[in-house]
């Protein structure tokens, strides 16, 4: 797969932040239980960056000839695992995961062990593994692959306390590991202000 880099517009980065704040306010207790993360600030940033990854995948799929559903920008109570984007013509279900940091020379993407995407995906389930390479808006799409490819290859997390989680490590897949240290692409320390004006294309 060729190197795919998508830059998300400032307006959609800002809209993603507002969505993340609202989503955590509504579903923070669910996320705390499901993801083991009790810190609201960290949860909000994780949700925010995940939404930026979804928008990047949406942009790519649209340019690639797919007819994708738009990422959901309405914060609703989360109780189940749905695809992030659906191919309206192809019926493919895209599940987007965005890795933020490189730890111990390997990026990672975290999943719920009990999610059917990790145990019994159907033929239309696809994983989109992405990396934030320049905060806040530059995403590299590292791999789009049928979810069934990864069944049986998930690993335990480094944090042994998170027993409900499993993980894909880039070091286990040559096509992912080669991107662990991208040249001239570094995460920046920029951040949004809470009162940023929203002007989203969605």
N, C-alpha and C. Protein backbone atom coordinates (compact mmCIF):
# COMPACT_ATOMS: atom_id res chain seq x y z
N UNK A 1 0.85 -1.19 0.00
CA UNK A 1 0.00 0.00 0.00
C UNK A 1 0.88 1.24 0.00
N UNK A 2 0.62 2.17 -0.90
CA UNK A 2 1.42 3.40 -0.99
C UNK A 2 1.20 4.26 0.25
N UNK A 3 2.17 5.12 0.51
CA UNK A 3 2.09 6.02 1.65
C UNK A 3 0.90 6.97 1.47
N UNK A 4 -0.04 6.93 2.39
CA UNK A 4 -1.24 7.76 2.30
C UNK A 4 -1.24 8.74 3.47
N UNK A 5 -1.16 10.01 3.16
CA UNK A 5 -1.18 11.05 4.21
C UNK A 5 -2.37 11.95 3.94
N UNK A 6 -3.19 12.14 4.95
CA UNK A 6 -4.36 13.01 4.84
C UNK A 6 -4.25 14.13 5.87
N UNK A 7 -4.49 15.36 5.43
CA UNK A 7 -4.50 16.51 6.32
C UNK A 7 -5.94 16.95 6.53
N UNK A 8 -6.36 16.95 7.77
CA UNK A 8 -7.73 17.33 8.13
C UNK A 8 -7.78 18.83 8.35
N UNK A 9 -8.79 19.48 7.81
CA UNK A 9 -8.90 20.94 7.88
C UNK A 9 -9.02 21.41 9.33
N UNK A 10 -8.60 22.65 9.56
CA UNK A 10 -8.70 23.22 10.90
C UNK A 10 -10.14 23.20 11.41
N UNK A 11 -11.09 23.49 10.52
CA UNK A 11 -12.49 23.53 10.96
C UNK A 11 -12.95 22.16 11.43
N UNK A 12 -12.51 21.09 10.77
CA UNK A 12 -12.91 19.76 11.20
C UNK A 12 -12.14 19.27 12.41
N UNK A 13 -10.91 19.74 12.58
CA UNK A 13 -10.19 19.47 13.82
C UNK A 13 -10.93 20.09 15.00
N UNK A 14 -11.39 21.32 14.82
CA UNK A 14 -12.12 22.02 15.87
C UNK A 14 -13.47 21.35 16.15
N UNK A 15 -14.16 20.95 15.08
CA UNK A 15 -15.44 20.27 15.25
C UNK A 15 -15.25 18.93 15.96
N UNK A 16 -14.13 18.26 15.69
CA UNK A 16 -13.83 16.99 16.35
C UNK A 16 -13.61 17.19 17.84
N UNK A 17 -12.97 18.31 18.20
CA UNK A 17 -12.75 18.59 19.62
C UNK A 17 -14.09 18.82 20.33
N UNK A 18 -14.96 19.61 19.72
CA UNK A 18 -16.26 19.87 20.33
C UNK A 18 -17.07 18.58 20.45
N UNK A 19 -16.98 17.71 19.44
CA UNK A 19 -17.66 16.42 19.50
C UNK A 19 -17.10 15.58 20.66
N UNK A 20 -15.78 15.56 20.81
CA UNK A 20 -15.14 14.76 21.85
C UNK A 20 -15.54 15.22 23.24
N UNK A 21 -15.59 16.53 23.44
CA UNK A 21 -16.01 17.07 24.74
C UNK A 21 -17.44 16.63 25.05
N UNK A 22 -18.32 16.75 24.05
CA UNK A 22 -19.72 16.36 24.25
C UNK A 22 -19.85 14.85 24.44
N UNK A 23 -19.10 14.08 23.66
CA UNK A 23 -19.18 12.61 23.75
C UNK A 23 -18.73 12.13 25.12
N UNK A 24 -17.68 12.72 25.67
CA UNK A 24 -17.22 12.29 26.98
C UNK A 24 -18.20 12.70 28.07
N UNK A 25 -18.83 13.86 27.90
CA UNK A 25 -19.82 14.29 28.88
C UNK A 25 -21.01 13.32 28.93
N UNK A 26 -21.38 12.78 27.77
CA UNK A 26 -22.53 11.88 27.69
C UNK A 26 -22.15 10.45 28.07
N UNK A 27 -21.00 9.99 27.59
CA UNK A 27 -20.64 8.57 27.71
C UNK A 27 -19.36 8.33 28.50
N UNK A 28 -18.95 9.30 29.31
CA UNK A 28 -17.70 9.15 30.05
C UNK A 28 -17.65 7.91 30.93
N UNK A 29 -18.76 7.60 31.61
CA UNK A 29 -18.77 6.43 32.48
C UNK A 29 -18.64 5.15 31.67
N UNK A 30 -19.27 5.11 30.49
CA UNK A 30 -19.15 3.95 29.60
C UNK A 30 -17.71 3.79 29.13
N UNK A 31 -17.10 4.91 28.69
CA UNK A 31 -15.71 4.84 28.24
C UNK A 31 -14.78 4.45 29.37
N UNK A 32 -15.06 4.93 30.58
CA UNK A 32 -14.22 4.58 31.73
C UNK A 32 -14.26 3.07 31.98
N UNK A 33 -15.45 2.50 31.88
CA UNK A 33 -15.60 1.06 32.12
C UNK A 33 -15.00 0.25 30.97
N UNK A 34 -15.30 0.66 29.74
CA UNK A 34 -14.87 -0.10 28.58
C UNK A 34 -13.37 0.03 28.31
N UNK A 35 -12.82 1.22 28.55
CA UNK A 35 -11.44 1.49 28.17
C UNK A 35 -10.49 1.58 29.36
N UNK A 36 -11.05 1.50 30.56
CA UNK A 36 -10.20 1.54 31.74
C UNK A 36 -9.53 2.87 31.98
N UNK A 37 -10.08 3.93 31.38
CA UNK A 37 -9.47 5.25 31.52
C UNK A 37 -10.42 6.14 32.33
N UNK A 38 -9.97 6.51 33.54
CA UNK A 38 -10.81 7.30 34.44
C UNK A 38 -10.58 8.80 34.30
N UNK A 39 -9.56 9.19 33.59
CA UNK A 39 -9.22 10.60 33.46
C UNK A 39 -9.98 11.21 32.28
N UNK A 40 -10.90 12.13 32.58
CA UNK A 40 -11.75 12.71 31.54
C UNK A 40 -10.94 13.47 30.50
N UNK A 41 -9.91 14.17 30.93
CA UNK A 41 -9.09 14.94 29.98
C UNK A 41 -8.41 14.03 28.97
N UNK A 42 -7.87 12.91 29.45
CA UNK A 42 -7.20 11.96 28.55
C UNK A 42 -8.22 11.32 27.63
N UNK A 43 -9.39 10.93 28.19
CA UNK A 43 -10.43 10.33 27.35
C UNK A 43 -10.85 11.27 26.23
N UNK A 44 -11.02 12.54 26.57
CA UNK A 44 -11.46 13.51 25.57
C UNK A 44 -10.44 13.64 24.45
N UNK A 45 -9.17 13.70 24.80
CA UNK A 45 -8.15 13.80 23.75
C UNK A 45 -8.11 12.53 22.90
N UNK A 46 -8.28 11.36 23.53
CA UNK A 46 -8.30 10.12 22.75
C UNK A 46 -9.48 10.10 21.78
N UNK A 47 -10.65 10.53 22.26
CA UNK A 47 -11.82 10.59 21.39
C UNK A 47 -11.60 11.58 20.26
N UNK A 48 -11.02 12.72 20.58
CA UNK A 48 -10.74 13.77 19.60
C UNK A 48 -9.84 13.28 18.48
N UNK A 49 -8.72 12.65 18.86
CA UNK A 49 -7.78 12.19 17.85
C UNK A 49 -8.36 11.03 17.05
N UNK A 50 -9.18 10.19 17.71
CA UNK A 50 -9.85 9.12 16.98
C UNK A 50 -10.78 9.66 15.91
N UNK A 51 -11.49 10.74 16.24
CA UNK A 51 -12.41 11.34 15.26
C UNK A 51 -11.64 11.97 14.10
N UNK A 52 -10.49 12.57 14.38
CA UNK A 52 -9.66 13.11 13.30
C UNK A 52 -9.22 11.99 12.36
N UNK A 53 -8.89 10.83 12.94
CA UNK A 53 -8.54 9.67 12.11
C UNK A 53 -9.69 9.24 11.23
N UNK A 54 -10.90 9.24 11.77
CA UNK A 54 -12.07 8.88 10.97
C UNK A 54 -12.25 9.83 9.79
N UNK A 55 -12.09 11.11 10.03
CA UNK A 55 -12.25 12.10 8.96
C UNK A 55 -11.19 11.89 7.89
N UNK A 56 -9.96 11.58 8.30
CA UNK A 56 -8.89 11.32 7.33
C UNK A 56 -9.22 10.12 6.46
N UNK A 57 -9.74 9.05 7.07
CA UNK A 57 -10.12 7.86 6.30
C UNK A 57 -11.27 8.19 5.36
N UNK A 58 -12.24 8.94 5.85
CA UNK A 58 -13.36 9.37 5.00
C UNK A 58 -12.85 10.13 3.77
N UNK A 59 -11.94 11.06 3.99
CA UNK A 59 -11.38 11.84 2.87
C UNK A 59 -10.71 10.93 1.85
N UNK A 60 -9.91 9.99 2.36
CA UNK A 60 -9.21 9.08 1.45
C UNK A 60 -10.18 8.20 0.68
N UNK A 61 -11.14 7.61 1.37
CA UNK A 61 -12.08 6.71 0.69
C UNK A 61 -12.86 7.44 -0.39
N UNK A 62 -13.25 8.67 -0.11
CA UNK A 62 -13.99 9.44 -1.09
C UNK A 62 -13.15 9.68 -2.35
N UNK A 63 -11.88 10.03 -2.16
CA UNK A 63 -10.99 10.26 -3.29
C UNK A 63 -10.69 8.96 -4.03
N UNK A 64 -10.76 7.83 -3.30
CA UNK A 64 -10.42 6.53 -3.88
C UNK A 64 -11.59 5.90 -4.62
N UNK A 65 -12.73 6.59 -4.67
CA UNK A 65 -13.87 6.09 -5.43
C UNK A 65 -14.94 5.41 -4.61
N UNK A 66 -14.73 5.29 -3.31
CA UNK A 66 -15.76 4.74 -2.43
C UNK A 66 -16.84 5.81 -2.21
N UNK A 67 -18.03 5.36 -1.83
CA UNK A 67 -19.11 6.28 -1.45
C UNK A 67 -19.33 6.12 0.05
N UNK A 68 -18.48 6.77 0.87
CA UNK A 68 -18.51 6.51 2.31
C UNK A 68 -19.54 7.35 3.05
N UNK A 69 -20.07 6.78 4.12
CA UNK A 69 -20.90 7.57 5.02
C UNK A 69 -19.99 8.56 5.74
N UNK A 70 -20.56 9.70 6.13
CA UNK A 70 -19.77 10.71 6.83
C UNK A 70 -19.54 10.29 8.28
N UNK A 71 -18.40 10.62 8.83
CA UNK A 71 -18.19 10.35 10.26
C UNK A 71 -19.27 11.02 11.09
N UNK A 72 -19.70 10.33 12.12
CA UNK A 72 -20.77 10.82 12.97
C UNK A 72 -20.26 11.95 13.86
N UNK A 73 -20.81 13.14 13.70
CA UNK A 73 -20.39 14.29 14.49
C UNK A 73 -21.43 14.66 15.55
N UNK A 74 -22.40 13.77 15.78
CA UNK A 74 -23.40 13.99 16.82
C UNK A 74 -23.06 13.09 17.99
N UNK A 75 -22.84 13.69 19.14
CA UNK A 75 -22.50 12.92 20.34
C UNK A 75 -23.74 12.22 20.88
N UNK A 76 -23.67 10.90 20.97
CA UNK A 76 -24.77 10.11 21.50
C UNK A 76 -24.22 9.11 22.50
N UNK A 77 -25.09 8.58 23.35
CA UNK A 77 -24.66 7.60 24.34
C UNK A 77 -24.14 6.35 23.65
N UNK A 78 -22.94 5.93 24.02
CA UNK A 78 -22.30 4.78 23.39
C UNK A 78 -22.54 3.53 24.21
N UNK A 79 -23.12 2.52 23.57
CA UNK A 79 -23.38 1.26 24.26
C UNK A 79 -22.93 0.05 23.44
N UNK A 80 -22.50 0.25 22.21
CA UNK A 80 -22.11 -0.90 21.38
C UNK A 80 -21.02 -0.45 20.41
N UNK A 81 -20.46 -1.44 19.71
CA UNK A 81 -19.38 -1.17 18.77
C UNK A 81 -19.92 -1.17 17.34
N UNK A 82 -20.04 -0.01 16.75
CA UNK A 82 -20.50 0.10 15.37
C UNK A 82 -19.33 0.51 14.49
N UNK A 83 -19.42 0.23 13.18
CA UNK A 83 -18.36 0.73 12.28
C UNK A 83 -18.36 2.25 12.28
N UNK A 84 -17.20 2.82 12.05
CA UNK A 84 -17.08 4.28 12.02
C UNK A 84 -17.55 4.86 10.69
N UNK A 85 -17.33 4.12 9.63
CA UNK A 85 -17.71 4.55 8.28
C UNK A 85 -18.24 3.34 7.54
N UNK A 86 -19.26 3.54 6.73
CA UNK A 86 -19.83 2.45 5.93
C UNK A 86 -19.76 2.84 4.46
N UNK A 87 -19.33 1.91 3.62
CA UNK A 87 -19.38 2.12 2.18
C UNK A 87 -20.82 1.96 1.72
N UNK A 88 -21.45 3.05 1.30
CA UNK A 88 -22.88 3.01 0.99
C UNK A 88 -23.18 2.14 -0.23
N UNK A 89 -22.21 1.99 -1.12
CA UNK A 89 -22.38 1.13 -2.29
C UNK A 89 -21.76 -0.25 -2.07
N UNK A 90 -20.56 -0.28 -1.54
CA UNK A 90 -19.83 -1.54 -1.36
C UNK A 90 -20.30 -2.34 -0.15
N UNK A 91 -20.97 -1.66 0.80
CA UNK A 91 -21.43 -2.26 2.06
C UNK A 91 -20.26 -2.63 2.98
N UNK A 92 -19.08 -2.17 2.68
CA UNK A 92 -17.95 -2.40 3.58
C UNK A 92 -18.12 -1.60 4.86
N UNK A 93 -17.68 -2.18 5.97
CA UNK A 93 -17.76 -1.52 7.27
C UNK A 93 -16.34 -1.23 7.75
N UNK A 94 -16.03 0.05 7.84
CA UNK A 94 -14.67 0.47 8.18
C UNK A 94 -14.58 0.84 9.67
N UNK A 95 -13.68 0.19 10.35
CA UNK A 95 -13.43 0.43 11.77
C UNK A 95 -12.07 1.12 11.88
N UNK A 96 -12.08 2.38 12.29
CA UNK A 96 -10.87 3.21 12.26
C UNK A 96 -10.22 3.23 13.64
N UNK A 97 -8.91 2.97 13.67
CA UNK A 97 -8.12 3.06 14.90
C UNK A 97 -6.91 3.95 14.62
N UNK A 98 -6.66 4.88 15.51
CA UNK A 98 -5.55 5.82 15.31
C UNK A 98 -4.55 5.70 16.45
N UNK A 99 -3.31 5.40 16.09
CA UNK A 99 -2.23 5.31 17.06
C UNK A 99 -1.63 6.70 17.26
N UNK A 100 -1.31 7.02 18.51
CA UNK A 100 -0.83 8.36 18.82
C UNK A 100 0.67 8.39 19.02
N UNK A 101 1.19 7.52 19.86
CA UNK A 101 2.61 7.56 20.22
C UNK A 101 3.31 6.26 19.89
N UNK A 102 4.60 6.36 19.67
CA UNK A 102 5.44 5.18 19.52
C UNK A 102 6.02 4.86 20.90
N UNK A 103 5.78 3.64 21.38
CA UNK A 103 6.29 3.22 22.67
C UNK A 103 7.11 1.95 22.47
N UNK A 104 8.31 1.92 23.02
CA UNK A 104 9.18 0.76 22.90
C UNK A 104 9.33 0.34 21.44
N UNK A 105 9.56 1.33 20.59
CA UNK A 105 9.83 1.13 19.17
C UNK A 105 8.69 0.42 18.43
N UNK A 106 7.47 0.61 18.90
CA UNK A 106 6.34 0.01 18.19
C UNK A 106 5.07 0.79 18.47
N UNK A 107 4.36 1.15 17.42
CA UNK A 107 3.04 1.73 17.60
C UNK A 107 2.04 0.62 17.89
N UNK A 108 0.87 1.00 18.41
CA UNK A 108 -0.12 -0.02 18.74
C UNK A 108 -1.52 0.52 18.54
N UNK A 109 -2.44 -0.42 18.34
CA UNK A 109 -3.86 -0.10 18.20
C UNK A 109 -4.62 -1.02 19.13
N UNK A 110 -5.45 -0.45 19.99
CA UNK A 110 -6.09 -1.21 21.08
C UNK A 110 -7.55 -1.53 20.73
N UNK A 111 -7.95 -2.75 21.08
CA UNK A 111 -9.31 -3.24 20.81
C UNK A 111 -9.87 -3.89 22.07
N UNK A 112 -11.18 -4.04 22.08
CA UNK A 112 -11.84 -4.80 23.14
C UNK A 112 -11.83 -6.28 22.76
N UNK A 113 -11.43 -7.12 23.70
CA UNK A 113 -11.39 -8.56 23.43
C UNK A 113 -12.77 -9.11 23.07
N UNK A 114 -13.81 -8.57 23.71
CA UNK A 114 -15.14 -9.12 23.49
C UNK A 114 -15.85 -8.51 22.28
N UNK A 115 -15.20 -7.60 21.59
CA UNK A 115 -15.77 -7.02 20.38
C UNK A 115 -15.70 -8.06 19.26
N UNK A 116 -16.81 -8.24 18.55
CA UNK A 116 -16.82 -9.24 17.48
C UNK A 116 -15.82 -8.91 16.37
N UNK A 117 -15.39 -7.65 16.28
CA UNK A 117 -14.41 -7.29 15.25
C UNK A 117 -13.09 -8.03 15.48
N UNK A 118 -12.80 -8.39 16.73
CA UNK A 118 -11.55 -9.08 17.04
C UNK A 118 -11.70 -10.60 17.04
N UNK A 119 -12.93 -11.09 17.14
CA UNK A 119 -13.15 -12.53 17.27
C UNK A 119 -13.87 -13.16 16.09
N UNK A 120 -14.90 -12.49 15.59
CA UNK A 120 -15.71 -13.08 14.52
C UNK A 120 -16.21 -12.01 13.55
N UNK A 121 -15.30 -11.27 12.90
CA UNK A 121 -15.75 -10.25 11.95
C UNK A 121 -16.36 -10.91 10.72
N UNK A 122 -17.28 -10.19 10.09
CA UNK A 122 -17.81 -10.73 8.84
C UNK A 122 -16.97 -10.25 7.66
N UNK A 123 -17.32 -10.69 6.48
CA UNK A 123 -16.48 -10.45 5.30
C UNK A 123 -16.42 -8.98 4.90
N UNK A 124 -17.37 -8.18 5.39
CA UNK A 124 -17.39 -6.76 5.03
C UNK A 124 -16.72 -5.86 6.08
N UNK A 125 -16.19 -6.46 7.16
CA UNK A 125 -15.51 -5.68 8.19
C UNK A 125 -14.06 -5.42 7.79
N UNK A 126 -13.67 -4.16 7.82
CA UNK A 126 -12.30 -3.76 7.50
C UNK A 126 -11.73 -2.92 8.65
N UNK A 127 -10.46 -3.15 8.96
CA UNK A 127 -9.75 -2.30 9.90
C UNK A 127 -8.95 -1.26 9.14
N UNK A 128 -9.03 -0.03 9.60
CA UNK A 128 -8.23 1.07 9.05
C UNK A 128 -7.28 1.51 10.16
N UNK A 129 -6.02 1.16 10.05
CA UNK A 129 -5.03 1.49 11.07
C UNK A 129 -4.30 2.76 10.66
N UNK A 130 -4.40 3.77 11.51
CA UNK A 130 -3.86 5.09 11.20
C UNK A 130 -2.89 5.54 12.28
N UNK A 131 -2.09 6.56 11.95
CA UNK A 131 -1.17 7.16 12.92
C UNK A 131 -1.24 8.67 12.82
N UNK A 132 -1.28 9.30 13.97
CA UNK A 132 -1.14 10.75 14.01
C UNK A 132 0.34 11.06 13.87
N UNK A 133 0.73 11.75 12.80
CA UNK A 133 2.15 12.02 12.59
C UNK A 133 2.51 13.48 12.78
N UNK A 134 1.52 14.35 12.82
CA UNK A 134 1.76 15.76 13.16
C UNK A 134 0.49 16.30 13.78
N UNK A 135 0.54 16.55 15.07
CA UNK A 135 -0.63 17.03 15.78
C UNK A 135 -0.89 18.49 15.40
N UNK A 136 -2.14 18.87 15.16
CA UNK A 136 -3.34 18.08 15.46
C UNK A 136 -4.01 17.46 14.25
N UNK A 137 -3.47 17.63 13.03
CA UNK A 137 -4.33 17.34 11.88
C UNK A 137 -3.74 16.46 10.79
N UNK A 138 -2.56 15.89 10.96
CA UNK A 138 -1.95 15.11 9.88
C UNK A 138 -1.93 13.63 10.24
N UNK A 139 -2.65 12.87 9.45
CA UNK A 139 -2.84 11.44 9.70
C UNK A 139 -2.24 10.64 8.55
N UNK A 140 -1.49 9.60 8.91
CA UNK A 140 -1.05 8.64 7.90
C UNK A 140 -1.93 7.39 8.02
N UNK A 141 -2.50 6.95 6.91
CA UNK A 141 -3.29 5.73 6.89
C UNK A 141 -2.33 4.59 6.56
N UNK A 142 -2.01 3.79 7.58
CA UNK A 142 -0.97 2.78 7.44
C UNK A 142 -1.45 1.52 6.76
N UNK A 143 -2.70 1.15 6.99
CA UNK A 143 -3.19 -0.11 6.45
C UNK A 143 -4.71 -0.13 6.47
N UNK A 144 -5.30 -0.58 5.38
CA UNK A 144 -6.73 -0.91 5.33
C UNK A 144 -6.80 -2.37 4.91
N UNK A 145 -7.30 -3.22 5.83
CA UNK A 145 -7.27 -4.66 5.61
C UNK A 145 -8.51 -5.30 6.20
N UNK A 146 -8.94 -6.42 5.63
CA UNK A 146 -10.07 -7.15 6.20
C UNK A 146 -9.76 -7.50 7.65
N UNK A 147 -10.75 -7.28 8.51
CA UNK A 147 -10.56 -7.56 9.93
C UNK A 147 -10.25 -9.03 10.18
N UNK A 148 -10.75 -9.89 9.32
CA UNK A 148 -10.51 -11.33 9.49
C UNK A 148 -9.03 -11.67 9.41
N UNK A 149 -8.24 -10.85 8.74
CA UNK A 149 -6.79 -11.08 8.62
C UNK A 149 -6.12 -11.12 9.99
N UNK A 150 -6.63 -10.34 10.95
CA UNK A 150 -5.98 -10.19 12.24
C UNK A 150 -6.50 -11.15 13.31
N UNK A 151 -7.56 -11.89 13.02
CA UNK A 151 -8.10 -12.81 14.02
C UNK A 151 -7.03 -13.82 14.42
N UNK A 152 -6.83 -13.97 15.72
CA UNK A 152 -5.81 -14.88 16.22
C UNK A 152 -4.43 -14.26 16.33
N UNK A 153 -4.28 -13.00 15.89
CA UNK A 153 -2.97 -12.35 15.93
C UNK A 153 -2.90 -11.20 16.93
N UNK A 154 -3.97 -10.96 17.67
CA UNK A 154 -3.96 -9.91 18.67
C UNK A 154 -3.10 -10.33 19.86
N UNK A 155 -2.45 -9.35 20.48
CA UNK A 155 -1.58 -9.61 21.62
C UNK A 155 -2.13 -8.95 22.88
N UNK A 156 -1.59 -9.38 24.01
CA UNK A 156 -1.92 -8.74 25.27
C UNK A 156 -1.28 -7.36 25.32
N UNK A 157 -1.89 -6.45 26.09
CA UNK A 157 -1.32 -5.12 26.26
C UNK A 157 -0.13 -5.16 27.20
N UNK A 158 0.73 -4.15 27.06
CA UNK A 158 1.87 -4.04 27.98
C UNK A 158 1.38 -3.79 29.41
N UNK A 159 0.28 -3.06 29.54
CA UNK A 159 -0.33 -2.83 30.84
C UNK A 159 -1.15 -4.06 31.21
N UNK A 160 -0.61 -4.88 32.10
CA UNK A 160 -1.24 -6.16 32.42
C UNK A 160 -2.55 -5.99 33.17
N UNK A 161 -2.83 -4.79 33.66
CA UNK A 161 -4.08 -4.56 34.38
C UNK A 161 -5.28 -4.43 33.45
N UNK A 162 -5.01 -4.15 32.17
CA UNK A 162 -6.11 -3.99 31.21
C UNK A 162 -6.42 -5.34 30.57
N UNK A 163 -7.05 -6.19 31.35
CA UNK A 163 -7.26 -7.58 30.92
C UNK A 163 -8.37 -7.73 29.88
N UNK A 164 -9.20 -6.70 29.70
CA UNK A 164 -10.28 -6.80 28.71
C UNK A 164 -9.84 -6.32 27.33
N UNK A 165 -8.58 -5.91 27.22
CA UNK A 165 -8.08 -5.33 25.97
C UNK A 165 -7.16 -6.30 25.24
N UNK A 166 -7.05 -6.07 23.94
CA UNK A 166 -6.03 -6.75 23.14
C UNK A 166 -5.48 -5.72 22.16
N UNK A 167 -4.43 -6.09 21.47
CA UNK A 167 -3.68 -5.06 20.76
C UNK A 167 -3.05 -5.59 19.48
N UNK A 168 -2.93 -4.72 18.50
CA UNK A 168 -2.09 -4.96 17.33
C UNK A 168 -0.84 -4.11 17.50
N UNK A 169 0.33 -4.73 17.46
CA UNK A 169 1.60 -4.00 17.53
C UNK A 169 2.22 -3.94 16.15
N UNK A 170 2.70 -2.76 15.79
CA UNK A 170 3.29 -2.60 14.45
C UNK A 170 4.51 -3.49 14.26
N UNK A 171 5.22 -3.78 15.36
CA UNK A 171 6.44 -4.58 15.24
C UNK A 171 6.16 -5.99 14.72
N UNK A 172 4.90 -6.45 14.85
CA UNK A 172 4.55 -7.80 14.42
C UNK A 172 4.22 -7.90 12.93
N UNK A 173 4.13 -6.76 12.26
CA UNK A 173 3.74 -6.74 10.85
C UNK A 173 4.71 -5.85 10.08
N UNK A 174 5.52 -6.41 9.18
CA UNK A 174 6.53 -5.62 8.46
C UNK A 174 5.97 -4.39 7.78
N UNK A 175 4.77 -4.49 7.20
CA UNK A 175 4.19 -3.36 6.48
C UNK A 175 3.83 -2.21 7.41
N UNK A 176 3.68 -2.50 8.71
CA UNK A 176 3.39 -1.46 9.69
C UNK A 176 4.67 -0.99 10.38
N UNK A 177 5.54 -1.94 10.67
CA UNK A 177 6.76 -1.61 11.42
C UNK A 177 7.66 -0.64 10.67
N UNK A 178 7.64 -0.70 9.34
CA UNK A 178 8.50 0.19 8.56
C UNK A 178 8.15 1.66 8.76
N UNK A 179 6.95 1.93 9.27
CA UNK A 179 6.53 3.31 9.49
C UNK A 179 6.75 3.79 10.93
N UNK A 180 7.37 2.99 11.77
CA UNK A 180 7.49 3.36 13.17
C UNK A 180 8.26 4.65 13.39
N UNK A 181 9.24 4.94 12.55
CA UNK A 181 10.02 6.16 12.72
C UNK A 181 10.04 6.94 11.41
N UNK A 182 8.92 7.56 11.05
CA UNK A 182 8.84 8.28 9.78
C UNK A 182 9.80 9.47 9.73
N UNK A 183 10.45 9.62 8.60
CA UNK A 183 11.42 10.70 8.42
C UNK A 183 10.70 12.04 8.30
N UNK A 184 11.18 13.03 9.04
CA UNK A 184 10.65 14.39 8.98
C UNK A 184 9.18 14.51 9.35
N UNK A 185 8.67 13.55 10.08
CA UNK A 185 7.28 13.62 10.53
C UNK A 185 7.27 13.42 12.04
N UNK A 186 7.01 14.47 12.77
CA UNK A 186 7.03 14.38 14.22
C UNK A 186 5.75 14.98 14.79
N UNK A 187 5.33 14.41 15.89
CA UNK A 187 4.16 14.93 16.59
C UNK A 187 4.50 16.29 17.19
N UNK A 188 3.64 17.26 16.97
CA UNK A 188 3.89 18.59 17.51
C UNK A 188 3.13 18.77 18.82
N UNK A 189 3.33 19.90 19.46
CA UNK A 189 2.68 20.14 20.75
C UNK A 189 1.53 21.13 20.62
N UNK A 190 1.08 21.40 19.41
CA UNK A 190 0.00 22.36 19.23
C UNK A 190 -1.30 21.82 19.80
N UNK A 191 -2.20 22.72 20.21
CA UNK A 191 -3.49 22.29 20.73
C UNK A 191 -4.54 23.35 20.44
N UNK A 192 -5.79 22.95 20.52
CA UNK A 192 -6.90 23.86 20.23
C UNK A 192 -7.32 24.60 21.49
N UNK A 193 -7.92 25.75 21.30
CA UNK A 193 -8.57 26.43 22.42
C UNK A 193 -10.00 25.94 22.49
N UNK A 194 -10.56 25.94 23.69
CA UNK A 194 -11.91 25.42 23.88
C UNK A 194 -12.97 26.23 23.16
N UNK A 195 -12.69 27.53 22.91
CA UNK A 195 -13.71 28.38 22.30
C UNK A 195 -13.47 28.59 20.80
N UNK A 196 -12.74 27.65 20.20
CA UNK A 196 -12.45 27.77 18.77
C UNK A 196 -13.76 27.75 17.98
N UNK A 197 -13.81 28.57 16.95
CA UNK A 197 -15.01 28.64 16.12
C UNK A 197 -15.12 27.38 15.26
N UNK A 198 -16.31 26.82 15.14
CA UNK A 198 -16.53 25.61 14.36
C UNK A 198 -17.13 25.97 13.01
N UNK A 199 -16.51 25.46 11.97
CA UNK A 199 -17.05 25.66 10.63
C UNK A 199 -16.76 24.40 9.83
N UNK A 200 -17.45 23.31 10.15
CA UNK A 200 -17.13 21.99 9.62
C UNK A 200 -17.76 21.77 8.26
N UNK A 201 -17.06 20.99 7.42
CA UNK A 201 -17.62 20.62 6.12
C UNK A 201 -18.77 19.65 6.30
N UNK A 202 -18.87 19.03 7.48
CA UNK A 202 -19.94 18.07 7.71
C UNK A 202 -21.20 18.77 8.17
